[in-house]
Amino acid sequence: MDKERPDIQAIIEQFADALKNQGIQIDKIILFGSQARGDAREDSDIDLLVVSSDFAQMPLYRRYEVLGKALARVMQPIEPLACTPEEVQVEKLSKASFLYDVLGRQKTVEYRL
């Protein structure tokens, strides 16, 4: 891990604050990928799944806009996804889903901020 990069939890908290400043109530943030597994390299990104009911009425482009604004405030190598709790429940049961793999087979770390 790059010694100049703040610790992962601090980055996640900054990202969560940037989302909250846009009015997003976060149910939870799930860290997955190499950072969660503990095998991240210096150039590894931070894979996050942001779960919020506020995304329910947002078209996909609007979700990316919200995530992009938060990324611009944090300026760290975060790769976020945005889902509602209901989407998570449906997708984690579908074997063809990316979230099925992430939530069912990979190591994750859950944050409730």
N, C-alpha and C. Protein backbone atom coordinates (compact mmCIF):
# COMPACT_ATOMS: atom_id res chain seq x y z
N MET A 1 0.85 -1.18 0.00
CA MET A 1 0.00 0.00 0.00
C MET A 1 0.89 1.23 0.00
N ASP A 2 0.52 2.23 -0.75
CA ASP A 2 1.23 3.49 -0.83
C ASP A 2 1.21 4.18 0.53
N LYS A 3 2.37 4.53 1.04
CA LYS A 3 2.44 5.18 2.34
C LYS A 3 1.79 6.56 2.35
N GLU A 4 1.65 7.18 1.19
CA GLU A 4 1.02 8.50 1.10
C GLU A 4 -0.50 8.41 1.14
N ARG A 5 -1.06 7.26 0.83
CA ARG A 5 -2.51 7.10 0.81
C ARG A 5 -3.03 6.92 2.23
N PRO A 6 -4.07 7.67 2.63
CA PRO A 6 -4.65 7.45 3.96
C PRO A 6 -5.19 6.02 4.06
N ASP A 7 -5.44 5.58 5.29
CA ASP A 7 -5.94 4.22 5.44
C ASP A 7 -7.32 4.07 4.79
N ILE A 8 -7.65 2.85 4.45
CA ILE A 8 -8.87 2.56 3.70
C ILE A 8 -10.12 3.03 4.42
N GLN A 9 -10.21 2.79 5.71
CA GLN A 9 -11.40 3.21 6.44
C GLN A 9 -11.59 4.72 6.37
N ALA A 10 -10.51 5.47 6.50
CA ALA A 10 -10.60 6.94 6.42
C ALA A 10 -11.08 7.37 5.03
N ILE A 11 -10.60 6.71 3.99
CA ILE A 11 -11.04 7.04 2.63
C ILE A 11 -12.52 6.73 2.47
N ILE A 12 -12.95 5.59 2.98
CA ILE A 12 -14.37 5.21 2.88
C ILE A 12 -15.23 6.22 3.64
N GLU A 13 -14.78 6.65 4.80
CA GLU A 13 -15.53 7.64 5.57
C GLU A 13 -15.61 8.97 4.83
N GLN A 14 -14.52 9.39 4.19
CA GLN A 14 -14.54 10.63 3.39
C GLN A 14 -15.52 10.51 2.23
N PHE A 15 -15.49 9.35 1.57
CA PHE A 15 -16.40 9.12 0.45
C PHE A 15 -17.86 9.12 0.92
N ALA A 16 -18.11 8.47 2.05
CA ALA A 16 -19.47 8.45 2.62
C ALA A 16 -19.93 9.87 2.97
N ASP A 17 -19.05 10.68 3.55
CA ASP A 17 -19.39 12.06 3.87
C ASP A 17 -19.73 12.86 2.61
N ALA A 18 -18.96 12.62 1.54
CA ALA A 18 -19.22 13.32 0.28
C ALA A 18 -20.58 12.92 -0.31
N LEU A 19 -20.98 11.68 -0.11
CA LEU A 19 -22.31 11.24 -0.55
C LEU A 19 -23.39 11.84 0.34
N LYS A 20 -23.16 11.83 1.65
CA LYS A 20 -24.14 12.40 2.59
C LYS A 20 -24.35 13.88 2.32
N ASN A 21 -23.29 14.59 1.92
CA ASN A 21 -23.41 16.01 1.60
C ASN A 21 -24.31 16.25 0.39
N GLN A 22 -24.54 15.21 -0.40
CA GLN A 22 -25.45 15.30 -1.54
C GLN A 22 -26.85 14.78 -1.17
N GLY A 23 -27.06 14.49 0.10
CA GLY A 23 -28.37 14.04 0.57
C GLY A 23 -28.59 12.55 0.49
N ILE A 24 -27.54 11.77 0.29
CA ILE A 24 -27.68 10.32 0.21
C ILE A 24 -27.57 9.72 1.61
N GLN A 25 -28.61 9.02 2.02
CA GLN A 25 -28.60 8.29 3.29
C GLN A 25 -28.06 6.89 3.00
N ILE A 26 -26.92 6.56 3.55
CA ILE A 26 -26.25 5.31 3.26
C ILE A 26 -26.70 4.23 4.24
N ASP A 27 -27.18 3.11 3.69
CA ASP A 27 -27.51 1.95 4.54
C ASP A 27 -26.23 1.24 4.95
N LYS A 28 -25.35 1.01 3.97
CA LYS A 28 -24.06 0.39 4.24
C LYS A 28 -23.17 0.54 3.02
N ILE A 29 -21.88 0.40 3.27
CA ILE A 29 -20.88 0.37 2.20
C ILE A 29 -20.12 -0.93 2.37
N ILE A 30 -20.00 -1.66 1.26
CA ILE A 30 -19.29 -2.94 1.29
C ILE A 30 -18.01 -2.81 0.50
N LEU A 31 -16.90 -3.08 1.17
CA LEU A 31 -15.59 -3.12 0.53
C LEU A 31 -15.37 -4.53 0.01
N PHE A 32 -14.96 -4.64 -1.26
CA PHE A 32 -14.67 -5.95 -1.83
C PHE A 32 -13.42 -5.86 -2.68
N GLY A 33 -13.03 -6.95 -3.27
CA GLY A 33 -11.84 -6.96 -4.11
C GLY A 33 -10.57 -7.11 -3.29
N SER A 34 -9.46 -6.69 -3.88
CA SER A 34 -8.15 -6.93 -3.26
C SER A 34 -7.99 -6.25 -1.91
N GLN A 35 -8.61 -5.09 -1.73
CA GLN A 35 -8.50 -4.41 -0.43
C GLN A 35 -9.16 -5.22 0.67
N ALA A 36 -10.30 -5.83 0.38
CA ALA A 36 -11.00 -6.66 1.37
C ALA A 36 -10.27 -7.98 1.61
N ARG A 37 -9.68 -8.53 0.55
CA ARG A 37 -8.97 -9.80 0.69
C ARG A 37 -7.62 -9.64 1.39
N GLY A 38 -7.10 -8.41 1.39
CA GLY A 38 -5.81 -8.16 2.01
C GLY A 38 -4.63 -8.39 1.10
N ASP A 39 -4.87 -8.47 -0.21
CA ASP A 39 -3.76 -8.68 -1.14
C ASP A 39 -3.61 -7.51 -2.12
N ALA A 40 -3.98 -6.32 -1.67
CA ALA A 40 -3.88 -5.12 -2.51
C ALA A 40 -2.42 -4.74 -2.73
N ARG A 41 -2.16 -4.20 -3.92
CA ARG A 41 -0.82 -3.68 -4.25
C ARG A 41 -0.88 -2.16 -4.18
N GLU A 42 0.26 -1.52 -4.41
CA GLU A 42 0.32 -0.06 -4.40
C GLU A 42 -0.66 0.57 -5.37
N ASP A 43 -0.85 -0.06 -6.52
CA ASP A 43 -1.70 0.52 -7.56
C ASP A 43 -3.13 -0.02 -7.53
N SER A 44 -3.50 -0.74 -6.48
CA SER A 44 -4.85 -1.29 -6.38
C SER A 44 -5.87 -0.20 -6.10
N ASP A 45 -7.04 -0.36 -6.71
CA ASP A 45 -8.13 0.57 -6.43
C ASP A 45 -8.92 0.08 -5.21
N ILE A 46 -9.94 0.83 -4.87
CA ILE A 46 -10.78 0.52 -3.72
C ILE A 46 -12.18 0.25 -4.26
N ASP A 47 -12.57 -1.02 -4.27
CA ASP A 47 -13.87 -1.42 -4.80
C ASP A 47 -14.93 -1.30 -3.72
N LEU A 48 -15.96 -0.50 -3.98
CA LEU A 48 -17.01 -0.27 -3.00
C LEU A 48 -18.39 -0.49 -3.61
N LEU A 49 -19.25 -1.09 -2.83
CA LEU A 49 -20.67 -1.18 -3.16
C LEU A 49 -21.40 -0.32 -2.15
N VAL A 50 -22.03 0.75 -2.64
CA VAL A 50 -22.77 1.68 -1.78
C VAL A 50 -24.23 1.29 -1.86
N VAL A 51 -24.81 0.95 -0.72
CA VAL A 51 -26.20 0.52 -0.66
C VAL A 51 -27.02 1.63 0.01
N SER A 52 -28.03 2.11 -0.73
CA SER A 52 -28.89 3.18 -0.21
C SER A 52 -30.26 3.11 -0.86
N SER A 53 -31.28 3.29 -0.07
CA SER A 53 -32.64 3.36 -0.60
C SER A 53 -32.84 4.60 -1.45
N ASP A 54 -32.00 5.61 -1.26
CA ASP A 54 -32.12 6.84 -2.05
C ASP A 54 -31.85 6.62 -3.53
N PHE A 55 -31.21 5.52 -3.88
CA PHE A 55 -30.94 5.23 -5.29
C PHE A 55 -32.17 4.67 -6.00
N ALA A 56 -33.22 4.33 -5.26
CA ALA A 56 -34.39 3.64 -5.83
C ALA A 56 -35.04 4.42 -6.98
N GLN A 57 -35.21 5.69 -6.83
CA GLN A 57 -35.88 6.47 -7.86
C GLN A 57 -34.92 7.17 -8.81
N MET A 58 -33.64 6.84 -8.72
CA MET A 58 -32.63 7.48 -9.57
C MET A 58 -32.33 6.63 -10.79
N PRO A 59 -32.38 7.24 -11.97
CA PRO A 59 -31.90 6.50 -13.13
C PRO A 59 -30.39 6.26 -12.99
N LEU A 60 -29.90 5.28 -13.71
CA LEU A 60 -28.50 4.88 -13.60
C LEU A 60 -27.55 6.05 -13.82
N TYR A 61 -27.83 6.91 -14.83
CA TYR A 61 -26.92 8.03 -15.10
C TYR A 61 -26.84 8.98 -13.92
N ARG A 62 -27.94 9.14 -13.19
CA ARG A 62 -27.95 10.03 -12.02
C ARG A 62 -27.13 9.43 -10.87
N ARG A 63 -27.21 8.11 -10.72
CA ARG A 63 -26.40 7.45 -9.69
C ARG A 63 -24.91 7.69 -9.97
N TYR A 64 -24.52 7.54 -11.24
CA TYR A 64 -23.12 7.76 -11.59
C TYR A 64 -22.72 9.22 -11.39
N GLU A 65 -23.64 10.12 -11.61
CA GLU A 65 -23.37 11.54 -11.38
C GLU A 65 -23.10 11.80 -9.89
N VAL A 66 -23.93 11.23 -9.04
CA VAL A 66 -23.75 11.37 -7.59
C VAL A 66 -22.42 10.77 -7.15
N LEU A 67 -22.13 9.55 -7.63
CA LEU A 67 -20.87 8.90 -7.28
C LEU A 67 -19.68 9.71 -7.79
N GLY A 68 -19.80 10.25 -9.00
CA GLY A 68 -18.71 11.04 -9.59
C GLY A 68 -18.42 12.30 -8.81
N LYS A 69 -19.45 12.97 -8.33
CA LYS A 69 -19.24 14.17 -7.52
C LYS A 69 -18.53 13.82 -6.21
N ALA A 70 -18.91 12.70 -5.62
CA ALA A 70 -18.25 12.26 -4.38
C ALA A 70 -16.80 11.90 -4.66
N LEU A 71 -16.54 11.23 -5.77
CA LEU A 71 -15.16 10.87 -6.14
C LEU A 71 -14.30 12.11 -6.32
N ALA A 72 -14.87 13.14 -6.92
CA ALA A 72 -14.13 14.38 -7.17
C ALA A 72 -13.73 15.05 -5.85
N ARG A 73 -14.52 14.87 -4.83
CA ARG A 73 -14.18 15.46 -3.53
C ARG A 73 -13.11 14.67 -2.80
N VAL A 74 -13.08 13.36 -2.99
CA VAL A 74 -12.17 12.50 -2.25
C VAL A 74 -10.83 12.34 -2.96
N MET A 75 -10.86 12.28 -4.29
CA MET A 75 -9.65 12.15 -5.10
C MET A 75 -8.78 10.95 -4.68
N GLN A 76 -9.42 9.80 -4.59
CA GLN A 76 -8.74 8.54 -4.31
C GLN A 76 -9.20 7.52 -5.36
N PRO A 77 -8.43 6.44 -5.57
CA PRO A 77 -8.77 5.47 -6.62
C PRO A 77 -9.91 4.53 -6.20
N ILE A 78 -11.11 5.08 -6.11
CA ILE A 78 -12.29 4.32 -5.71
C ILE A 78 -13.06 3.91 -6.96
N GLU A 79 -13.52 2.67 -6.98
CA GLU A 79 -14.40 2.15 -8.03
C GLU A 79 -15.73 1.80 -7.37
N PRO A 80 -16.67 2.77 -7.34
CA PRO A 80 -17.92 2.52 -6.61
C PRO A 80 -19.04 1.99 -7.51
N LEU A 81 -19.91 1.23 -6.89
CA LEU A 81 -21.17 0.79 -7.48
C LEU A 81 -22.27 1.28 -6.56
N ALA A 82 -23.44 1.60 -7.12
CA ALA A 82 -24.56 2.08 -6.32
C ALA A 82 -25.76 1.17 -6.52
N CYS A 83 -26.32 0.67 -5.42
CA CYS A 83 -27.47 -0.22 -5.46
C CYS A 83 -28.43 0.10 -4.32
N THR A 84 -29.67 -0.28 -4.51
CA THR A 84 -30.64 -0.22 -3.42
C THR A 84 -30.57 -1.53 -2.64
N PRO A 85 -31.10 -1.55 -1.43
CA PRO A 85 -31.14 -2.82 -0.68
C PRO A 85 -31.91 -3.90 -1.43
N GLU A 86 -32.98 -3.50 -2.10
CA GLU A 86 -33.78 -4.47 -2.86
C GLU A 86 -33.00 -5.04 -4.04
N GLU A 87 -32.25 -4.20 -4.73
CA GLU A 87 -31.43 -4.68 -5.84
C GLU A 87 -30.37 -5.66 -5.35
N VAL A 88 -29.80 -5.39 -4.20
CA VAL A 88 -28.80 -6.30 -3.63
C VAL A 88 -29.44 -7.65 -3.36
N GLN A 89 -30.63 -7.66 -2.75
CA GLN A 89 -31.31 -8.92 -2.44
C GLN A 89 -31.59 -9.73 -3.70
N VAL A 90 -32.05 -9.08 -4.74
CA VAL A 90 -32.36 -9.78 -5.99
C VAL A 90 -31.09 -10.28 -6.67
N GLU A 91 -30.11 -9.40 -6.78
CA GLU A 91 -28.89 -9.73 -7.52
C GLU A 91 -28.03 -10.78 -6.83
N LYS A 92 -28.04 -10.81 -5.52
CA LYS A 92 -27.18 -11.79 -4.85
C LYS A 92 -27.73 -13.21 -4.97
N LEU A 93 -28.95 -13.35 -5.47
CA LEU A 93 -29.52 -14.67 -5.71
C LEU A 93 -29.37 -15.13 -7.15
N SER A 94 -29.02 -14.22 -8.03
CA SER A 94 -28.87 -14.55 -9.45
C SER A 94 -27.43 -14.96 -9.75
N LYS A 95 -27.24 -16.23 -10.09
CA LYS A 95 -25.89 -16.75 -10.31
C LYS A 95 -25.18 -16.06 -11.48
N ALA A 96 -25.92 -15.40 -12.34
CA ALA A 96 -25.30 -14.70 -13.47
C ALA A 96 -24.93 -13.26 -13.12
N SER A 97 -25.15 -12.87 -11.89
CA SER A 97 -24.94 -11.49 -11.46
C SER A 97 -23.55 -11.28 -10.89
N PHE A 98 -23.01 -10.11 -11.15
CA PHE A 98 -21.74 -9.71 -10.55
C PHE A 98 -21.85 -9.68 -9.03
N LEU A 99 -22.97 -9.18 -8.52
CA LEU A 99 -23.15 -9.09 -7.07
C LEU A 99 -23.25 -10.47 -6.42
N TYR A 100 -23.72 -11.45 -7.15
CA TYR A 100 -23.75 -12.82 -6.64
C TYR A 100 -22.33 -13.26 -6.29
N ASP A 101 -21.41 -12.98 -7.20
CA ASP A 101 -20.02 -13.33 -6.97
C ASP A 101 -19.42 -12.51 -5.82
N VAL A 102 -19.66 -11.22 -5.85
CA VAL A 102 -19.08 -10.33 -4.83
C VAL A 102 -19.61 -10.67 -3.44
N LEU A 103 -20.91 -10.79 -3.30
CA LEU A 103 -21.51 -10.97 -1.97
C LEU A 103 -21.54 -12.42 -1.50
N GLY A 104 -21.49 -13.34 -2.44
CA GLY A 104 -21.62 -14.73 -2.06
C GLY A 104 -20.33 -15.50 -2.01
N ARG A 105 -19.33 -15.07 -2.77
CA ARG A 105 -18.13 -15.88 -2.90
C ARG A 105 -16.84 -15.17 -2.56
N GLN A 106 -16.87 -13.85 -2.50
CA GLN A 106 -15.65 -13.11 -2.20
C GLN A 106 -15.65 -12.65 -0.74
N LYS A 107 -14.47 -12.38 -0.24
CA LYS A 107 -14.36 -11.78 1.09
C LYS A 107 -14.77 -10.31 0.97
N THR A 108 -15.59 -9.85 1.88
CA THR A 108 -16.03 -8.46 1.91
C THR A 108 -15.89 -7.91 3.32
N VAL A 109 -15.89 -6.59 3.42
CA VAL A 109 -15.89 -5.90 4.70
C VAL A 109 -17.03 -4.89 4.65
N GLU A 110 -17.93 -4.97 5.61
CA GLU A 110 -19.10 -4.11 5.62
C GLU A 110 -18.90 -2.94 6.58
N TYR A 111 -19.26 -1.74 6.10
CA TYR A 111 -19.19 -0.53 6.92
C TYR A 111 -20.59 0.05 7.03
N ARG A 112 -20.98 0.40 8.21
CA ARG A 112 -22.24 1.11 8.44
C ARG A 112 -21.84 2.47 9.00
N LEU A 113 -22.01 3.49 8.16
CA LEU A 113 -21.53 4.82 8.53
C LEU A 113 -22.67 5.79 8.75
